[in-house]
Every structure is written in structure tokens, then in C-alpha cells.
Amino acid sequence: MPSLKVQVTRIVDHSYPIWVECIFTDAKGKEHTIHEKVPVISAENISEIELPMSKQIDCLVEDQWRDKKGISISRIKFPWSIESIEGMTSFEILSENLEK
């Protein structure tokens, strides 16, 4: 399954499992924030001392195309009902931000 590169910026809930804030930028330059459990984005524990750090979140590619400038764009969704803090579930991102 492909994954989207995200920046883990802070711990938002220290209960078990720990929840972290992940940020990524879409193809139009808009920043999106996701709050997610550490086990979804990492097999290892995350501590505040290590932050910020780069990680990946698995995603599903719904569509892919090239824009007028020839830049590859992907429309993605996250599995497990993951959504942004704004309630968005589908995002258009630069395909170069995907790991396969």
C-alpha cells in the first residue's frame, strides 16, 4: 500500500495509545492536520524529544493525473476512517510525496 509523507509535529494526547499531530501539504499548497494514533504511523514509540520527525501514513490512491504543467497529482484517501481535523477525507497531493 502506498503511503503519504507527513511531518509529526507534536503529541496531542499522552494516554494509551499516544496520539500525535501530523501535517502535510496538498497540491495547492494548503496545509492539512491529522491527529492519529502512533501505531498507525510508526511501529516504534515517539517521544517529544524526537519531534518534529518525518513519518508515513498508509493511503489509497483513488486517481492520478498530470496537471497543465505536467506535474503528477494523486487524489488519496486514508484507510481506517482517518480524516483531517477539518473533517476532510480526500486530498489532492503531489505524487512525489507518496512512497510506494
N, C-alpha and C. Protein backbone atom coordinates (compact mmCIF):
# COMPACT_ATOMS: atom_id res chain seq x y z
N MET A 1 0.85 -1.17 0.00
CA MET A 1 0.00 0.00 0.00
C MET A 1 0.90 1.24 0.00
N PRO A 2 0.60 2.23 -0.83
CA PRO A 2 1.39 3.46 -0.82
C PRO A 2 1.18 4.22 0.50
N SER A 3 2.09 5.12 0.78
CA SER A 3 1.96 5.93 1.99
C SER A 3 2.33 7.37 1.67
N LEU A 4 1.75 8.28 2.44
CA LEU A 4 1.98 9.71 2.28
C LEU A 4 3.00 10.18 3.31
N LYS A 5 3.98 10.94 2.86
CA LYS A 5 4.97 11.53 3.77
C LYS A 5 4.29 12.63 4.58
N VAL A 6 4.44 12.57 5.90
CA VAL A 6 3.88 13.58 6.80
C VAL A 6 4.95 14.02 7.78
N GLN A 7 4.71 15.15 8.40
CA GLN A 7 5.58 15.66 9.46
C GLN A 7 4.83 15.50 10.78
N VAL A 8 5.40 14.75 11.71
CA VAL A 8 4.81 14.61 13.04
C VAL A 8 5.35 15.78 13.86
N THR A 9 4.45 16.63 14.35
CA THR A 9 4.88 17.88 14.98
C THR A 9 4.75 17.91 16.50
N ARG A 10 3.78 17.16 17.04
CA ARG A 10 3.62 17.19 18.49
C ARG A 10 2.73 16.04 18.95
N ILE A 11 2.82 15.75 20.24
CA ILE A 11 1.93 14.78 20.87
C ILE A 11 0.70 15.55 21.34
N VAL A 12 -0.48 15.06 20.96
CA VAL A 12 -1.72 15.75 21.34
C VAL A 12 -2.46 15.04 22.48
N ASP A 13 -2.12 13.77 22.74
CA ASP A 13 -2.75 13.03 23.83
C ASP A 13 -1.76 11.97 24.32
N HIS A 14 -1.41 12.04 25.59
CA HIS A 14 -0.43 11.12 26.17
C HIS A 14 -1.04 9.82 26.69
N SER A 15 -2.35 9.64 26.56
CA SER A 15 -2.96 8.39 27.02
C SER A 15 -2.49 7.25 26.12
N TYR A 16 -2.96 6.04 26.39
CA TYR A 16 -2.55 4.91 25.57
C TYR A 16 -3.67 4.52 24.62
N PRO A 17 -3.40 4.40 23.33
CA PRO A 17 -2.13 4.74 22.70
C PRO A 17 -1.96 6.25 22.56
N ILE A 18 -0.72 6.66 22.42
CA ILE A 18 -0.41 8.08 22.25
C ILE A 18 -0.94 8.56 20.90
N TRP A 19 -1.50 9.77 20.88
CA TRP A 19 -1.97 10.40 19.65
C TRP A 19 -1.03 11.54 19.29
N VAL A 20 -0.71 11.67 18.00
CA VAL A 20 0.19 12.72 17.54
C VAL A 20 -0.48 13.57 16.46
N GLU A 21 0.08 14.75 16.26
CA GLU A 21 -0.38 15.64 15.20
C GLU A 21 0.54 15.46 14.00
N CYS A 22 -0.06 15.19 12.84
CA CYS A 22 0.68 15.01 11.58
C CYS A 22 0.23 16.09 10.61
N ILE A 23 1.20 16.68 9.92
CA ILE A 23 0.90 17.76 8.98
C ILE A 23 1.44 17.38 7.60
N PHE A 24 0.66 17.70 6.57
CA PHE A 24 1.12 17.55 5.19
C PHE A 24 0.51 18.67 4.36
N THR A 25 1.08 18.90 3.20
CA THR A 25 0.62 19.97 2.31
C THR A 25 0.06 19.36 1.04
N ASP A 26 -1.10 19.86 0.60
CA ASP A 26 -1.70 19.33 -0.62
C ASP A 26 -1.09 19.97 -1.86
N ALA A 27 -1.58 19.58 -3.03
CA ALA A 27 -1.01 20.04 -4.30
C ALA A 27 -1.18 21.54 -4.52
N LYS A 28 -2.14 22.16 -3.83
CA LYS A 28 -2.37 23.60 -3.98
C LYS A 28 -1.66 24.41 -2.91
N GLY A 29 -0.88 23.73 -2.05
CA GLY A 29 -0.13 24.43 -1.02
C GLY A 29 -0.85 24.59 0.31
N LYS A 30 -2.05 24.01 0.43
CA LYS A 30 -2.81 24.11 1.69
C LYS A 30 -2.29 23.06 2.67
N GLU A 31 -2.06 23.48 3.91
CA GLU A 31 -1.59 22.57 4.94
C GLU A 31 -2.78 21.88 5.61
N HIS A 32 -2.66 20.57 5.81
CA HIS A 32 -3.70 19.78 6.46
C HIS A 32 -3.12 19.14 7.72
N THR A 33 -3.96 19.01 8.74
CA THR A 33 -3.55 18.44 10.02
C THR A 33 -4.41 17.22 10.33
N ILE A 34 -3.73 16.16 10.76
CA ILE A 34 -4.39 14.93 11.16
C ILE A 34 -3.93 14.58 12.56
N HIS A 35 -4.83 14.17 13.42
CA HIS A 35 -4.49 13.63 14.73
C HIS A 35 -4.70 12.13 14.64
N GLU A 36 -3.63 11.37 14.91
CA GLU A 36 -3.73 9.92 14.74
C GLU A 36 -2.91 9.19 15.80
N LYS A 37 -3.27 7.93 16.03
CA LYS A 37 -2.57 7.08 16.99
C LYS A 37 -1.19 6.72 16.46
N VAL A 38 -0.20 6.69 17.37
CA VAL A 38 1.17 6.36 16.97
C VAL A 38 1.25 5.02 16.25
N PRO A 39 0.58 3.94 16.70
CA PRO A 39 0.71 2.66 16.00
C PRO A 39 0.29 2.70 14.52
N VAL A 40 -0.52 3.66 14.13
CA VAL A 40 -0.94 3.78 12.73
C VAL A 40 0.20 4.31 11.87
N ILE A 41 1.07 5.14 12.45
CA ILE A 41 2.13 5.76 11.64
C ILE A 41 3.53 5.26 11.95
N SER A 42 3.69 4.47 13.02
CA SER A 42 5.03 4.02 13.39
C SER A 42 4.96 2.76 14.23
N ALA A 43 5.89 1.84 13.98
CA ALA A 43 6.00 0.64 14.80
C ALA A 43 6.73 0.94 16.11
N GLU A 44 7.42 2.08 16.15
CA GLU A 44 8.18 2.48 17.33
C GLU A 44 7.44 3.55 18.11
N ASN A 45 7.78 3.67 19.38
CA ASN A 45 7.24 4.76 20.20
C ASN A 45 7.80 6.09 19.72
N ILE A 46 7.09 7.16 19.98
CA ILE A 46 7.53 8.50 19.62
C ILE A 46 7.57 9.33 20.90
N SER A 47 8.67 10.04 21.10
CA SER A 47 8.77 10.92 22.27
C SER A 47 8.87 12.36 21.80
N GLU A 48 8.49 13.28 22.69
CA GLU A 48 8.52 14.70 22.33
C GLU A 48 9.92 15.19 22.00
N ILE A 49 10.93 14.56 22.57
CA ILE A 49 12.31 14.96 22.32
C ILE A 49 12.66 14.78 20.84
N GLU A 50 12.08 13.78 20.19
CA GLU A 50 12.38 13.47 18.78
C GLU A 50 11.64 14.36 17.78
N LEU A 51 10.68 15.13 18.24
CA LEU A 51 9.81 15.89 17.34
C LEU A 51 10.41 17.23 16.97
N PRO A 52 10.15 17.72 15.78
CA PRO A 52 9.36 17.09 14.71
C PRO A 52 10.14 15.98 14.02
N MET A 53 9.41 15.09 13.38
CA MET A 53 10.03 13.99 12.63
C MET A 53 9.16 13.63 11.43
N SER A 54 9.80 13.05 10.43
CA SER A 54 9.08 12.60 9.23
C SER A 54 8.62 11.16 9.41
N LYS A 55 7.40 10.89 8.98
CA LYS A 55 6.83 9.54 9.00
C LYS A 55 5.94 9.39 7.78
N GLN A 56 5.28 8.24 7.66
CA GLN A 56 4.34 8.00 6.56
C GLN A 56 3.04 7.45 7.12
N ILE A 57 1.94 7.80 6.44
CA ILE A 57 0.63 7.22 6.75
C ILE A 57 0.15 6.49 5.50
N ASP A 58 -0.22 5.22 5.65
CA ASP A 58 -0.74 4.46 4.52
C ASP A 58 -1.93 5.18 3.91
N CYS A 59 -2.04 5.09 2.59
CA CYS A 59 -3.16 5.74 1.91
C CYS A 59 -3.59 4.93 0.70
N LEU A 60 -4.75 5.26 0.19
CA LEU A 60 -5.30 4.64 -1.01
C LEU A 60 -5.33 5.68 -2.11
N VAL A 61 -4.75 5.37 -3.26
CA VAL A 61 -4.76 6.30 -4.39
C VAL A 61 -6.04 6.05 -5.18
N GLU A 62 -6.89 7.09 -5.24
CA GLU A 62 -8.16 6.98 -5.95
C GLU A 62 -8.03 7.35 -7.41
N ASP A 63 -7.11 8.28 -7.72
CA ASP A 63 -6.94 8.75 -9.09
C ASP A 63 -5.57 9.41 -9.20
N GLN A 64 -5.05 9.45 -10.41
CA GLN A 64 -3.76 10.09 -10.66
C GLN A 64 -3.79 10.72 -12.05
N TRP A 65 -3.22 11.92 -12.19
CA TRP A 65 -3.20 12.63 -13.46
C TRP A 65 -2.06 13.64 -13.46
N ARG A 66 -1.85 14.24 -14.62
CA ARG A 66 -0.86 15.32 -14.74
C ARG A 66 -1.61 16.62 -14.98
N ASP A 67 -1.16 17.68 -14.30
CA ASP A 67 -1.79 18.98 -14.50
C ASP A 67 -1.25 19.63 -15.77
N LYS A 68 -1.64 20.88 -16.04
CA LYS A 68 -1.24 21.58 -17.27
C LYS A 68 0.27 21.76 -17.37
N LYS A 69 0.95 21.78 -16.23
CA LYS A 69 2.41 21.93 -16.22
C LYS A 69 3.14 20.59 -16.26
N GLY A 70 2.38 19.50 -16.32
CA GLY A 70 2.96 18.17 -16.38
C GLY A 70 3.30 17.58 -15.02
N ILE A 71 2.85 18.21 -13.95
CA ILE A 71 3.13 17.73 -12.60
C ILE A 71 2.13 16.63 -12.24
N SER A 72 2.64 15.54 -11.71
CA SER A 72 1.79 14.41 -11.34
C SER A 72 1.07 14.68 -10.02
N ILE A 73 -0.26 14.56 -10.06
CA ILE A 73 -1.13 14.79 -8.91
C ILE A 73 -1.86 13.48 -8.60
N SER A 74 -2.03 13.18 -7.32
CA SER A 74 -2.78 12.00 -6.89
C SER A 74 -3.90 12.41 -5.95
N ARG A 75 -5.08 11.84 -6.14
CA ARG A 75 -6.16 12.02 -5.17
C ARG A 75 -6.10 10.81 -4.25
N ILE A 76 -5.97 11.06 -2.95
CA ILE A 76 -5.83 9.98 -1.99
C ILE A 76 -6.90 10.05 -0.91
N LYS A 77 -7.08 8.91 -0.26
CA LYS A 77 -7.89 8.78 0.96
C LYS A 77 -7.05 7.94 1.91
N PHE A 78 -7.32 8.07 3.19
CA PHE A 78 -6.66 7.23 4.18
C PHE A 78 -7.60 6.11 4.59
N PRO A 79 -7.05 4.92 4.86
CA PRO A 79 -7.90 3.84 5.38
C PRO A 79 -8.26 4.11 6.84
N TRP A 80 -9.05 3.26 7.42
CA TRP A 80 -9.41 3.30 8.84
C TRP A 80 -10.13 4.58 9.24
N SER A 81 -10.85 5.19 8.31
CA SER A 81 -11.65 6.40 8.58
C SER A 81 -10.82 7.58 9.09
N ILE A 82 -9.55 7.65 8.71
CA ILE A 82 -8.70 8.77 9.09
C ILE A 82 -9.16 10.00 8.33
N GLU A 83 -9.28 11.12 9.04
CA GLU A 83 -9.67 12.38 8.40
C GLU A 83 -8.88 13.52 9.02
N SER A 84 -8.87 14.65 8.32
CA SER A 84 -8.20 15.83 8.84
C SER A 84 -9.02 16.41 9.99
N ILE A 85 -8.42 17.34 10.74
CA ILE A 85 -9.17 17.96 11.84
C ILE A 85 -10.32 18.81 11.31
N GLU A 86 -10.31 19.12 10.00
CA GLU A 86 -11.41 19.84 9.36
C GLU A 86 -12.49 18.88 8.85
N GLY A 87 -12.28 17.57 9.02
CA GLY A 87 -13.26 16.58 8.57
C GLY A 87 -13.08 16.13 7.14
N MET A 88 -11.99 16.53 6.49
CA MET A 88 -11.75 16.11 5.09
C MET A 88 -11.23 14.68 5.05
N THR A 89 -11.65 13.94 4.03
CA THR A 89 -11.22 12.55 3.88
C THR A 89 -10.53 12.28 2.55
N SER A 90 -10.60 13.20 1.61
CA SER A 90 -9.99 13.05 0.29
C SER A 90 -9.10 14.26 0.03
N PHE A 91 -7.89 14.00 -0.51
CA PHE A 91 -6.91 15.06 -0.69
C PHE A 91 -6.21 14.91 -2.04
N GLU A 92 -5.93 16.02 -2.69
CA GLU A 92 -5.13 16.02 -3.91
C GLU A 92 -3.73 16.46 -3.52
N ILE A 93 -2.77 15.57 -3.74
CA ILE A 93 -1.40 15.83 -3.31
C ILE A 93 -0.45 15.65 -4.50
N LEU A 94 0.75 16.19 -4.37
CA LEU A 94 1.78 15.93 -5.36
C LEU A 94 2.18 14.47 -5.24
N SER A 95 2.19 13.76 -6.36
CA SER A 95 2.51 12.33 -6.35
C SER A 95 3.91 12.06 -5.80
N GLU A 96 4.80 13.04 -5.91
CA GLU A 96 6.16 12.86 -5.40
C GLU A 96 6.18 12.71 -3.87
N ASN A 97 5.09 13.03 -3.20
CA ASN A 97 5.02 12.87 -1.74
C ASN A 97 4.51 11.50 -1.32
N LEU A 98 4.36 10.61 -2.29
CA LEU A 98 3.95 9.24 -1.99
C LEU A 98 5.16 8.32 -1.98
N GLU A 99 5.17 7.39 -1.04
CA GLU A 99 6.13 6.29 -1.01
C GLU A 99 5.37 5.06 -1.47
N LYS A 100 6.00 4.26 -2.31
CA LYS A 100 5.29 3.07 -2.82
C LYS A 100 5.73 1.82 -2.13
